[in-house]
């Protein structure tokens, strides 16, 4: 287990400037960076237990309804229900459900949805432009404690990809420290922070325990920012998360008064596409790649999850 490093505040420079965030709903605003304002933001983001449960249910419904699976399922179910009463409406809904499935599971639409998110910030291939910033913040997603499987299999694919990028940056920055952010998963029920499991894996992969800080309380991106601010304040840091998730994370962090420098990871799209191949084999391969597939559907799910997240955070006043 990796312990919490409480050696005191970091000696972090301020030469590097953070990059403005991107939001599809509202332009960037400048907010006063005072403790009083932070407390007001925290209170406004919190709800009572009853309100919190209702909001969570509403959030889950909205998230599912906007996903490709949700759109397709709703259309097909309603289509079958209506076809016995209103055949025309039922047929339209069935047709819409089928079209939705083919559209979201084909590469043109899935790539277009994901490209708007992933291409917003370039990868941080080297650290020459970040000045003397030596803190890396890693946002985690899924991990579960299971002594019956290897530690490498206890961390989700997305989190592993982010961790590998954080480790790469750690080796590029002399004296770097890594803040791993992520509390217990609600679905896990065992109250084991994700950051603790990821910290164990990071230690196994070469990051010393004394160079890590585990943030074990947050359960979503907004709470990531709140907890990280308690540790770093307004000091700049490299923010490592999935390229598709980075725009939303930066929007939240900037509104909280943090100073993140984007370090995208977990890219799902090829940024430099190969040249068009006019041969028969090339044309056939490109045609087949455009056909519906589970991987394309998963990419559409990932992109729409982020767009739904933007909408939800905007409604909550978090971005």
C-alpha atoms as a PDB file:
ATOM      1  CA  UNK A   1       0.000   0.000   0.000  1.00  0.00           C
ATOM      2  CA  UNK A   2       1.290   3.434  -0.903  1.00  0.00           C
ATOM      3  CA  UNK A   3       1.062   5.885   1.996  1.00  0.00           C
ATOM      4  CA  UNK A   4       0.061   9.522   1.803  1.00  0.00           C
ATOM      5  CA  UNK A   5       3.098  11.734   1.397  1.00  0.00           C
ATOM      6  CA  UNK A   6       2.635  14.564   3.865  1.00  0.00           C
ATOM      7  CA  UNK A   7       6.082  16.100   3.667  1.00  0.00           C
ATOM      8  CA  UNK A   8       4.597  19.535   3.117  1.00  0.00           C
ATOM      9  CA  UNK A   9       3.952  21.866   0.172  1.00  0.00           C
ATOM     10  CA  UNK A  10       5.799  21.331  -3.068  1.00  0.00           C
ATOM     11  CA  UNK A  11       8.475  23.642  -4.366  1.00  0.00           C
ATOM     12  CA  UNK A  12       6.754  24.121  -7.708  1.00  0.00           C
ATOM     13  CA  UNK A  13       7.694  26.848 -10.108  1.00  0.00           C
ATOM     14  CA  UNK A  14       5.298  29.091 -11.952  1.00  0.00           C
ATOM     15  CA  UNK A  15       7.065  29.635 -15.243  1.00  0.00           C
ATOM     16  CA  UNK A  16       4.648  27.568 -17.301  1.00  0.00           C
ATOM     17  CA  UNK A  17       1.222  28.920 -18.068  1.00  0.00           C
ATOM     18  CA  UNK A  18      -1.884  26.782 -18.083  1.00  0.00           C
ATOM     19  CA  UNK A  19      -3.851  26.362 -21.305  1.00  0.00           C
ATOM     20  CA  UNK A  20      -7.375  27.805 -21.600  1.00  0.00           C
ATOM     21  CA  UNK A  21     -10.126  25.249 -21.427  1.00  0.00           C
ATOM     22  CA  UNK A  22     -12.725  24.422 -24.050  1.00  0.00           C
ATOM     23  CA  UNK A  23     -16.465  24.233 -23.445  1.00  0.00           C
ATOM     24  CA  UNK A  24     -19.153  23.818 -26.108  1.00  0.00           C
ATOM     25  CA  UNK A  25     -21.690  25.629 -23.921  1.00  0.00           C
ATOM     26  CA  UNK A  26     -20.105  28.808 -22.666  1.00  0.00           C
ATOM     27  CA  UNK A  27     -16.996  30.962 -23.198  1.00  0.00           C
ATOM     28  CA  UNK A  28     -14.234  31.065 -20.636  1.00  0.00           C
ATOM     29  CA  UNK A  29     -14.753  33.370 -17.684  1.00  0.00           C
ATOM     30  CA  UNK A  30     -12.277  34.609 -15.121  1.00  0.00           C
ATOM     31  CA  UNK A  31     -13.209  33.878 -11.519  1.00  0.00           C
ATOM     32  CA  UNK A  32     -11.780  35.462  -8.361  1.00  0.00           C
ATOM     33  CA  UNK A  33      -9.353  33.066  -6.728  1.00  0.00           C
ATOM     34  CA  UNK A  34     -10.326  33.519  -3.096  1.00  0.00           C
ATOM     35  CA  UNK A  35     -11.021  31.030  -0.346  1.00  0.00           C
ATOM     36  CA  UNK A  36     -14.410  32.577   0.244  1.00  0.00           C
ATOM     37  CA  UNK A  37     -15.361  32.006  -3.390  1.00  0.00           C
ATOM     38  CA  UNK A  38     -14.051  28.436  -3.227  1.00  0.00           C
ATOM     39  CA  UNK A  39     -16.251  27.728  -0.205  1.00  0.00           C
ATOM     40  CA  UNK A  40     -19.273  29.210  -1.964  1.00  0.00           C
ATOM     41  CA  UNK A  41     -18.600  27.062  -5.029  1.00  0.00           C
ATOM     42  CA  UNK A  42     -18.281  24.002  -2.824  1.00  0.00           C
ATOM     43  CA  UNK A  43     -21.588  24.670  -1.075  1.00  0.00           C
ATOM     44  CA  UNK A  44     -23.349  25.338  -4.353  1.00  0.00           C
ATOM     45  CA  UNK A  45     -22.074  22.037  -5.768  1.00  0.00           C
ATOM     46  CA  UNK A  46     -23.351  20.032  -2.809  1.00  0.00           C
ATOM     47  CA  UNK A  47     -26.916  18.853  -2.211  1.00  0.00           C
ATOM     48  CA  UNK A  48     -28.802  17.171   0.578  1.00  0.00           C
ATOM     49  CA  UNK A  49     -28.997  13.383   0.630  1.00  0.00           C
ATOM     50  CA  UNK A  50     -32.508  13.332  -0.855  1.00  0.00           C
ATOM     51  CA  UNK A  51     -31.678  15.855  -3.543  1.00  0.00           C
ATOM     52  CA  UNK A  52     -28.411  14.049  -4.268  1.00  0.00           C
ATOM     53  CA  UNK A  53     -30.190  10.734  -4.828  1.00  0.00           C
ATOM     54  CA  UNK A  54     -32.765  12.336  -7.130  1.00  0.00           C
ATOM     55  CA  UNK A  55     -30.053  14.098  -9.090  1.00  0.00           C
ATOM     56  CA  UNK A  56     -28.047  10.875  -9.402  1.00  0.00           C
ATOM     57  CA  UNK A  57     -31.089   9.031 -10.777  1.00  0.00           C
ATOM     58  CA  UNK A  58     -31.806  11.869 -13.195  1.00  0.00           C
ATOM     59  CA  UNK A  59     -28.158  11.923 -14.233  1.00  0.00           C
ATOM     60  CA  UNK A  60     -28.137   8.164 -14.890  1.00  0.00           C
ATOM     61  CA  UNK A  61     -31.295   8.371 -17.000  1.00  0.00           C
ATOM     62  CA  UNK A  62     -29.965  11.291 -19.032  1.00  0.00           C
ATOM     63  CA  UNK A  63     -26.590   9.628 -19.536  1.00  0.00           C
ATOM     64  CA  UNK A  64     -28.195   6.447 -20.817  1.00  0.00           C
ATOM     65  CA  UNK A  65     -30.735   8.257 -22.994  1.00  0.00           C
ATOM     66  CA  UNK A  66     -28.025  10.138 -24.868  1.00  0.00           C
ATOM     67  CA  UNK A  67     -25.786   7.124 -25.510  1.00  0.00           C
ATOM     68  CA  UNK A  68     -25.998   5.221 -28.808  1.00  0.00           C
ATOM     69  CA  UNK A  69     -27.225   2.137 -26.950  1.00  0.00           C
ATOM     70  CA  UNK A  70     -29.867   4.185 -25.160  1.00  0.00           C
ATOM     71  CA  UNK A  71     -31.084   5.936 -28.295  1.00  0.00           C
ATOM     72  CA  UNK A  72     -31.283   2.659 -30.224  1.00  0.00           C
ATOM     73  CA  UNK A  73     -32.965   0.759 -27.386  1.00  0.00           C
ATOM     74  CA  UNK A  74     -35.562   3.457 -26.695  1.00  0.00           C
ATOM     75  CA  UNK A  75     -36.467   3.736 -30.379  1.00  0.00           C
ATOM     76  CA  UNK A  76     -36.774  -0.034 -30.841  1.00  0.00           C
ATOM     77  CA  UNK A  77     -38.788  -0.598 -27.646  1.00  0.00           C
ATOM     78  CA  UNK A  78     -41.171   2.265 -28.371  1.00  0.00           C
ATOM     79  CA  UNK A  79     -41.405   1.119 -31.973  1.00  0.00           C
ATOM     80  CA  UNK A  80     -42.550  -2.370 -30.963  1.00  0.00           C
ATOM     81  CA  UNK A  81     -45.027  -0.885 -28.471  1.00  0.00           C
ATOM     82  CA  UNK A  82     -46.495   1.584 -30.940  1.00  0.00           C
ATOM     83  CA  UNK A  83     -46.645  -0.732 -33.925  1.00  0.00           C
ATOM     84  CA  UNK A  84     -49.716  -2.500 -32.476  1.00  0.00           C
ATOM     85  CA  UNK A  85     -51.558   0.825 -31.975  1.00  0.00           C
ATOM     86  CA  UNK A  86     -50.081   3.263 -34.458  1.00  0.00           C
ATOM     87  CA  UNK A  87     -48.319   1.325 -37.188  1.00  0.00           C
ATOM     88  CA  UNK A  88     -46.949   4.412 -38.891  1.00  0.00           C
ATOM     89  CA  UNK A  89     -45.373   5.795 -35.703  1.00  0.00           C
ATOM     90  CA  UNK A  90     -44.120   2.330 -34.762  1.00  0.00           C
ATOM     91  CA  UNK A  91     -42.485   1.856 -38.144  1.00  0.00           C
ATOM     92  CA  UNK A  92     -40.825   5.267 -37.946  1.00  0.00           C
ATOM     93  CA  UNK A  93     -39.424   4.487 -34.495  1.00  0.00           C
ATOM     94  CA  UNK A  94     -38.170   1.061 -35.580  1.00  0.00           C
ATOM     95  CA  UNK A  95     -36.567   2.594 -38.650  1.00  0.00           C
ATOM     96  CA  UNK A  96     -34.981   5.316 -36.505  1.00  0.00           C
ATOM     97  CA  UNK A  97     -33.620   2.710 -34.092  1.00  0.00           C
ATOM     98  CA  UNK A  98     -32.041   0.683 -36.888  1.00  0.00           C
ATOM     99  CA  UNK A  99     -30.583   3.784 -38.542  1.00  0.00           C
ATOM    100  CA  UNK A 100     -29.190   4.955 -35.173  1.00  0.00           C
ATOM    101  CA  UNK A 101     -27.427   1.650 -34.661  1.00  0.00           C
ATOM    102  CA  UNK A 102     -25.826   1.695 -38.114  1.00  0.00           C
ATOM    103  CA  UNK A 103     -24.856   5.371 -37.822  1.00  0.00           C
ATOM    104  CA  UNK A 104     -23.249   5.169 -34.372  1.00  0.00           C
ATOM    105  CA  UNK A 105     -21.478   1.872 -35.082  1.00  0.00           C
ATOM    106  CA  UNK A 106     -19.930   3.074 -38.353  1.00  0.00           C
ATOM    107  CA  UNK A 107     -16.541   4.735 -38.425  1.00  0.00           C
ATOM    108  CA  UNK A 108     -17.421   8.087 -40.086  1.00  0.00           C
ATOM    109  CA  UNK A 109     -19.750   9.231 -37.303  1.00  0.00           C
ATOM    110  CA  UNK A 110     -17.831   7.694 -34.401  1.00  0.00           C
ATOM    111  CA  UNK A 111     -14.582   9.266 -35.605  1.00  0.00           C
ATOM    112  CA  UNK A 112     -16.225  12.662 -36.106  1.00  0.00           C
ATOM    113  CA  UNK A 113     -17.683  12.632 -32.588  1.00  0.00           C
ATOM    114  CA  UNK A 114     -14.407  11.610 -30.969  1.00  0.00           C
ATOM    115  CA  UNK A 115     -12.180  13.833 -33.100  1.00  0.00           C
ATOM    116  CA  UNK A 116     -13.751  17.039 -31.766  1.00  0.00           C
ATOM    117  CA  UNK A 117     -12.710  15.986 -28.261  1.00  0.00           C
ATOM    118  CA  UNK A 118      -9.356  14.294 -28.820  1.00  0.00           C
ATOM    119  CA  UNK A 119      -7.942  16.865 -31.239  1.00  0.00           C
ATOM    120  CA  UNK A 120      -8.552  19.811 -28.942  1.00  0.00           C
ATOM    121  CA  UNK A 121      -5.188  19.536 -27.173  1.00  0.00           C
ATOM    122  CA  UNK A 122      -1.969  18.136 -28.686  1.00  0.00           C
ATOM    123  CA  UNK A 123      -0.021  15.387 -26.911  1.00  0.00           C
ATOM    124  CA  UNK A 124       2.792  16.520 -24.628  1.00  0.00           C
ATOM    125  CA  UNK A 125       5.622  14.725 -26.406  1.00  0.00           C
ATOM    126  CA  UNK A 126       8.343  16.484 -24.392  1.00  0.00           C
ATOM    127  CA  UNK A 127       8.495  18.692 -21.325  1.00  0.00           C
ATOM    128  CA  UNK A 128      10.653  21.515 -22.696  1.00  0.00           C
ATOM    129  CA  UNK A 129       7.758  23.973 -22.688  1.00  0.00           C
ATOM    130  CA  UNK A 130       6.500  23.416 -19.151  1.00  0.00           C
ATOM    131  CA  UNK A 131       9.212  25.311 -17.333  1.00  0.00           C
ATOM    132  CA  UNK A 132      10.110  23.988 -13.895  1.00  0.00           C
ATOM    133  CA  UNK A 133       6.717  22.449 -13.169  1.00  0.00           C
ATOM    134  CA  UNK A 134       7.428  19.083 -11.579  1.00  0.00           C
ATOM    135  CA  UNK A 135       4.000  17.846 -10.415  1.00  0.00           C
ATOM    136  CA  UNK A 136       1.938  15.366 -12.394  1.00  0.00           C
ATOM    137  CA  UNK A 137      -1.735  14.832 -11.548  1.00  0.00           C
ATOM    138  CA  UNK A 138      -3.220  11.539 -12.742  1.00  0.00           C
ATOM    139  CA  UNK A 139      -7.004  11.150 -12.901  1.00  0.00           C
ATOM    140  CA  UNK A 140      -8.125   7.539 -12.537  1.00  0.00           C
ATOM    141  CA  UNK A 141     -11.295   5.728 -13.565  1.00  0.00           C
ATOM    142  CA  UNK A 142     -11.831   2.052 -12.755  1.00  0.00           C
ATOM    143  CA  UNK A 143      -9.829  -0.301 -10.551  1.00  0.00           C
ATOM    144  CA  UNK A 144     -10.887  -3.097  -8.227  1.00  0.00           C
ATOM    145  CA  UNK A 145      -9.133  -5.037  -5.501  1.00  0.00           C
ATOM    146  CA  UNK A 146      -9.031  -8.772  -6.202  1.00  0.00           C
ATOM    147  CA  UNK A 147      -6.276 -10.879  -4.622  1.00  0.00           C
ATOM    148  CA  UNK A 148      -7.108 -13.766  -6.976  1.00  0.00           C
ATOM    149  CA  UNK A 149      -5.808 -11.988 -10.080  1.00  0.00           C
ATOM    150  CA  UNK A 150      -2.530 -10.131 -10.800  1.00  0.00           C
ATOM    151  CA  UNK A 151      -2.298  -6.474  -9.854  1.00  0.00           C
ATOM    152  CA  UNK A 152      -1.906  -5.626 -13.535  1.00  0.00           C
ATOM    153  CA  UNK A 153      -5.424  -7.004 -14.128  1.00  0.00           C
ATOM    154  CA  UNK A 154      -6.994  -5.059 -11.267  1.00  0.00           C
ATOM    155  CA  UNK A 155      -6.797  -1.735 -13.109  1.00  0.00           C
ATOM    156  CA  UNK A 156      -9.049  -0.809 -16.024  1.00  0.00           C
ATOM    157  CA  UNK A 157      -7.722  -0.338 -19.548  1.00  0.00           C
ATOM    158  CA  UNK A 158      -8.317   3.410 -19.593  1.00  0.00           C
ATOM    159  CA  UNK A 159      -6.590   3.964 -16.250  1.00  0.00           C
ATOM    160  CA  UNK A 160      -3.609   1.835 -17.319  1.00  0.00           C
ATOM    161  CA  UNK A 161      -3.193   3.957 -20.439  1.00  0.00           C
ATOM    162  CA  UNK A 162      -3.267   7.129 -18.364  1.00  0.00           C
ATOM    163  CA  UNK A 163      -0.837   5.661 -15.829  1.00  0.00           C
ATOM    164  CA  UNK A 164       1.666   4.762 -18.539  1.00  0.00           C
ATOM    165  CA  UNK A 165       1.638   8.364 -19.772  1.00  0.00           C
ATOM    166  CA  UNK A 166       2.152   9.647 -16.225  1.00  0.00           C
ATOM    167  CA  UNK A 167       5.103   7.280 -15.804  1.00  0.00           C
ATOM    168  CA  UNK A 168       6.605   8.482 -19.108  1.00  0.00           C
ATOM    169  CA  UNK A 169       6.363  12.106 -17.951  1.00  0.00           C
ATOM    170  CA  UNK A 170       7.716  11.154 -14.519  1.00  0.00           C
ATOM    171  CA  UNK A 171      10.914   9.891 -16.132  1.00  0.00           C
ATOM    172  CA  UNK A 172      11.240  13.047 -18.245  1.00  0.00           C
ATOM    173  CA  UNK A 173      11.005  15.477 -15.313  1.00  0.00           C
ATOM    174  CA  UNK A 174      13.801  15.424 -12.718  1.00  0.00           C
ATOM    175  CA  UNK A 175      12.445  15.192  -9.174  1.00  0.00           C
ATOM    176  CA  UNK A 176       8.854  14.823 -10.351  1.00  0.00           C
ATOM    177  CA  UNK A 177       6.017  13.904  -8.012  1.00  0.00           C
ATOM    178  CA  UNK A 178       2.741  12.221  -8.990  1.00  0.00           C
ATOM    179  CA  UNK A 179      -0.635  12.946  -7.440  1.00  0.00           C
ATOM    180  CA  UNK A 180      -2.994  10.024  -8.114  1.00  0.00           C
ATOM    181  CA  UNK A 181      -6.620  11.074  -7.766  1.00  0.00           C
ATOM    182  CA  UNK A 182      -9.567   8.716  -7.290  1.00  0.00           C
ATOM    183  CA  UNK A 183     -11.747   7.529  -4.440  1.00  0.00           C
ATOM    184  CA  UNK A 184     -13.822   4.364  -4.012  1.00  0.00           C
ATOM    185  CA  UNK A 185     -16.038   3.170  -6.842  1.00  0.00           C
ATOM    186  CA  UNK A 186     -19.737   3.341  -5.988  1.00  0.00           C
ATOM    187  CA  UNK A 187     -20.348   0.011  -7.716  1.00  0.00           C
ATOM    188  CA  UNK A 188     -17.525  -1.743  -5.861  1.00  0.00           C
ATOM    189  CA  UNK A 189     -19.032  -1.496  -2.378  1.00  0.00           C
ATOM    190  CA  UNK A 190     -15.755  -2.326  -0.588  1.00  0.00           C
ATOM    191  CA  UNK A 191     -14.717   1.303  -0.035  1.00  0.00           C
ATOM    192  CA  UNK A 192     -11.223   0.775  -1.454  1.00  0.00           C
ATOM    193  CA  UNK A 193      -9.951   3.953  -3.176  1.00  0.00           C
ATOM    194  CA  UNK A 194      -9.030   3.503  -6.814  1.00  0.00           C
ATOM    195  CA  UNK A 195      -5.961   5.693  -6.284  1.00  0.00           C
ATOM    196  CA  UNK A 196      -4.612   3.200  -3.747  1.00  0.00           C
ATOM    197  CA  UNK A 197      -4.802   0.306  -6.218  1.00  0.00           C
ATOM    198  CA  UNK A 198      -3.321   2.431  -9.015  1.00  0.00           C
ATOM    199  CA  UNK A 199      -0.628   3.602  -6.604  1.00  0.00           C
ATOM    200  CA  UNK A 200       0.329  -0.008  -5.917  1.00  0.00           C
ATOM    201  CA  UNK A 201       0.659  -0.592  -9.659  1.00  0.00           C
ATOM    202  CA  UNK A 202       2.628   2.630 -10.127  1.00  0.00           C
ATOM    203  CA  UNK A 203       5.040   1.508  -7.411  1.00  0.00           C
ATOM    204  CA  UNK A 204       5.387  -1.856  -9.107  1.00  0.00           C
ATOM    205  CA  UNK A 205       6.235  -0.018 -12.349  1.00  0.00           C
ATOM    206  CA  UNK A 206       9.009   2.059 -10.835  1.00  0.00           C
ATOM    207  CA  UNK A 207       7.576   5.166  -9.145  1.00  0.00           C
ATOM    208  CA  UNK A 208       8.851   5.348  -5.537  1.00  0.00           C
ATOM    209  CA  UNK A 209       6.187   5.593  -2.857  1.00  0.00           C
ATOM    210  CA  UNK A 210       7.808   8.745  -1.481  1.00  0.00           C
ATOM    211  CA  UNK A 211       7.212  10.502  -4.806  1.00  0.00           C
ATOM    212  CA  UNK A 212       3.462   9.793  -4.828  1.00  0.00           C
ATOM    213  CA  UNK A 213       0.486  11.436  -3.162  1.00  0.00           C
ATOM    214  CA  UNK A 214      -2.798   9.532  -3.079  1.00  0.00           C
ATOM    215  CA  UNK A 215      -6.031  11.510  -3.184  1.00  0.00           C
ATOM    216  CA  UNK A 216      -8.611   8.978  -1.967  1.00  0.00           C
ATOM    217  CA  UNK A 217     -11.873  10.940  -1.603  1.00  0.00           C
ATOM    218  CA  UNK A 218     -13.096  12.034  -5.044  1.00  0.00           C
ATOM    219  CA  UNK A 219     -15.666  10.066  -7.054  1.00  0.00           C
ATOM    220  CA  UNK A 220     -16.035  12.254 -10.156  1.00  0.00           C
ATOM    221  CA  UNK A 221     -14.173  14.895 -12.151  1.00  0.00           C
ATOM    222  CA  UNK A 222     -15.551  17.807 -10.146  1.00  0.00           C
ATOM    223  CA  UNK A 223     -14.507  16.215  -6.865  1.00  0.00           C
ATOM    224  CA  UNK A 224     -11.093  15.453  -8.397  1.00  0.00           C
ATOM    225  CA  UNK A 225     -10.609  19.185  -8.805  1.00  0.00           C
ATOM    226  CA  UNK A 226     -11.882  20.061  -5.333  1.00  0.00           C
ATOM    227  CA  UNK A 227      -9.555  17.566  -3.644  1.00  0.00           C
ATOM    228  CA  UNK A 228      -6.548  18.426  -5.798  1.00  0.00           C
ATOM    229  CA  UNK A 229      -6.967  22.101  -4.939  1.00  0.00           C
ATOM    230  CA  UNK A 230      -6.600  21.188  -1.268  1.00  0.00           C
ATOM    231  CA  UNK A 231      -3.230  19.623  -2.093  1.00  0.00           C
ATOM    232  CA  UNK A 232      -1.789  21.967  -4.724  1.00  0.00           C
ATOM    233  CA  UNK A 233      -3.711  25.210  -4.416  1.00  0.00           C
ATOM    234  CA  UNK A 234      -3.073  27.362  -7.486  1.00  0.00           C
ATOM    235  CA  UNK A 235       0.336  25.846  -8.300  1.00  0.00           C
ATOM    236  CA  UNK A 236       0.643  24.656 -11.927  1.00  0.00           C
ATOM    237  CA  UNK A 237       0.780  20.949 -12.710  1.00  0.00           C
ATOM    238  CA  UNK A 238       0.582  18.537 -15.619  1.00  0.00           C
ATOM    239  CA  UNK A 239      -2.899  17.021 -15.883  1.00  0.00           C
ATOM    240  CA  UNK A 240      -2.920  13.474 -17.263  1.00  0.00           C
ATOM    241  CA  UNK A 241      -6.246  12.039 -18.344  1.00  0.00           C
ATOM    242  CA  UNK A 242      -7.824  10.620 -21.494  1.00  0.00           C
ATOM    243  CA  UNK A 243      -7.700  12.930 -24.508  1.00  0.00           C
ATOM    244  CA  UNK A 244     -11.494  12.749 -24.833  1.00  0.00           C
ATOM    245  CA  UNK A 245     -11.983  13.544 -21.134  1.00  0.00           C
ATOM    246  CA  UNK A 246      -9.440  16.373 -21.013  1.00  0.00           C
ATOM    247  CA  UNK A 247     -11.684  19.228 -22.284  1.00  0.00           C
ATOM    248  CA  UNK A 248     -14.255  18.608 -19.537  1.00  0.00           C
ATOM    249  CA  UNK A 249     -11.581  18.144 -16.856  1.00  0.00           C
ATOM    250  CA  UNK A 250      -9.845  21.396 -17.840  1.00  0.00           C
ATOM    251  CA  UNK A 251     -13.161  23.272 -17.801  1.00  0.00           C
ATOM    252  CA  UNK A 252     -13.859  22.073 -14.251  1.00  0.00           C
ATOM    253  CA  UNK A 253     -10.338  22.698 -12.976  1.00  0.00           C
ATOM    254  CA  UNK A 254     -10.132  26.202 -14.406  1.00  0.00           C
ATOM    255  CA  UNK A 255     -13.420  27.184 -12.825  1.00  0.00           C
ATOM    256  CA  UNK A 256     -12.134  25.917  -9.474  1.00  0.00           C
ATOM    257  CA  UNK A 257      -9.111  28.176  -9.825  1.00  0.00           C
ATOM    258  CA  UNK A 258      -6.548  25.472 -10.567  1.00  0.00           C
ATOM    259  CA  UNK A 259      -3.663  25.800 -13.041  1.00  0.00           C
ATOM    260  CA  UNK A 260      -3.530  22.597 -15.102  1.00  0.00           C
ATOM    261  CA  UNK A 261      -1.294  22.054 -18.118  1.00  0.00           C
ATOM    262  CA  UNK A 262      -2.912  19.505 -20.489  1.00  0.00           C
ATOM    263  CA  UNK A 263      -1.107  16.194 -20.943  1.00  0.00           C
ATOM    264  CA  UNK A 264      -3.591  14.022 -22.877  1.00  0.00           C
ATOM    265  CA  UNK A 265      -3.326  10.225 -22.862  1.00  0.00           C
ATOM    266  CA  UNK A 266      -5.383   7.235 -23.970  1.00  0.00           C
ATOM    267  CA  UNK A 267      -5.862   8.394 -27.577  1.00  0.00           C
ATOM    268  CA  UNK A 268      -8.353   6.230 -29.483  1.00  0.00           C
ATOM    269  CA  UNK A 269      -7.917   7.836 -32.899  1.00  0.00           C
ATOM    270  CA  UNK A 270      -4.980   7.830 -35.305  1.00  0.00           C
ATOM    271  CA  UNK A 271      -3.936  11.474 -35.524  1.00  0.00           C
ATOM    272  CA  UNK A 272      -1.928  11.084 -38.749  1.00  0.00           C
ATOM    273  CA  UNK A 273      -3.977   8.931 -41.069  1.00  0.00           C
ATOM    274  CA  UNK A 274      -2.218   6.903 -43.772  1.00  0.00           C
ATOM    275  CA  UNK A 275      -2.468   8.073 -47.363  1.00  0.00           C
ATOM    276  CA  UNK A 276      -5.424   6.984 -49.452  1.00  0.00           C
ATOM    277  CA  UNK A 277      -4.789   3.614 -51.087  1.00  0.00           C
ATOM    278  CA  UNK A 278      -6.496   3.463 -54.514  1.00  0.00           C
ATOM    279  CA  UNK A 279      -5.705  -0.221 -55.025  1.00  0.00           C
ATOM    280  CA  UNK A 280      -8.469  -2.835 -54.878  1.00  0.00           C
ATOM    281  CA  UNK A 281      -7.141  -4.201 -51.598  1.00  0.00           C
ATOM    282  CA  UNK A 282      -6.935  -0.704 -50.113  1.00  0.00           C
ATOM    283  CA  UNK A 283     -10.436   0.236 -51.198  1.00  0.00           C
ATOM    284  CA  UNK A 284     -11.845  -3.015 -49.833  1.00  0.00           C
ATOM    285  CA  UNK A 285     -10.121  -2.500 -46.479  1.00  0.00           C
ATOM    286  CA  UNK A 286     -11.449   1.061 -46.204  1.00  0.00           C
ATOM    287  CA  UNK A 287     -14.971  -0.048 -47.094  1.00  0.00           C
ATOM    288  CA  UNK A 288     -14.882  -2.798 -44.482  1.00  0.00           C
ATOM    289  CA  UNK A 289     -13.556  -0.423 -41.820  1.00  0.00           C
ATOM    290  CA  UNK A 290     -16.567   1.854 -42.402  1.00  0.00           C
ATOM    291  CA  UNK A 291     -19.070  -0.951 -41.729  1.00  0.00           C
ATOM    292  CA  UNK A 292     -20.820  -1.173 -38.343  1.00  0.00           C
ATOM    293  CA  UNK A 293     -18.664  -2.712 -35.612  1.00  0.00           C
ATOM    294  CA  UNK A 294     -18.615  -2.992 -31.836  1.00  0.00           C
ATOM    295  CA  UNK A 295     -15.408  -0.939 -31.642  1.00  0.00           C
ATOM    296  CA  UNK A 296     -16.991   1.966 -33.543  1.00  0.00           C
ATOM    297  CA  UNK A 297     -20.045   1.765 -31.296  1.00  0.00           C
ATOM    298  CA  UNK A 298     -17.783   1.890 -28.231  1.00  0.00           C
ATOM    299  CA  UNK A 299     -16.073   5.027 -29.579  1.00  0.00           C
ATOM    300  CA  UNK A 300     -19.440   6.698 -30.111  1.00  0.00           C
ATOM    301  CA  UNK A 301     -20.427   5.728 -26.562  1.00  0.00           C
ATOM    302  CA  UNK A 302     -17.225   7.262 -25.222  1.00  0.00           C
ATOM    303  CA  UNK A 303     -17.726  10.525 -27.122  1.00  0.00           C
ATOM    304  CA  UNK A 304     -21.394  10.953 -26.229  1.00  0.00           C
ATOM    305  CA  UNK A 305     -20.588  10.176 -22.588  1.00  0.00           C
ATOM    306  CA  UNK A 306     -18.311  13.221 -22.590  1.00  0.00           C
ATOM    307  CA  UNK A 307     -20.870  15.435 -24.341  1.00  0.00           C
ATOM    308  CA  UNK A 308     -23.489  14.322 -21.808  1.00  0.00           C
ATOM    309  CA  UNK A 309     -20.969  15.027 -19.049  1.00  0.00           C
ATOM    310  CA  UNK A 310     -20.451  18.554 -20.378  1.00  0.00           C
ATOM    311  CA  UNK A 311     -24.202  19.149 -20.344  1.00  0.00           C
ATOM    312  CA  UNK A 312     -24.614  17.729 -16.844  1.00  0.00           C
ATOM    313  CA  UNK A 313     -21.701  19.723 -15.394  1.00  0.00           C
ATOM    314  CA  UNK A 314     -23.016  22.873 -17.068  1.00  0.00           C
ATOM    315  CA  UNK A 315     -26.437  22.319 -15.465  1.00  0.00           C
ATOM    316  CA  UNK A 316     -24.772  21.811 -12.059  1.00  0.00           C
ATOM    317  CA  UNK A 317     -22.727  24.992 -12.474  1.00  0.00           C
ATOM    318  CA  UNK A 318     -19.425  23.112 -12.386  1.00  0.00           C
ATOM    319  CA  UNK A 319     -18.137  24.484 -15.703  1.00  0.00           C
END
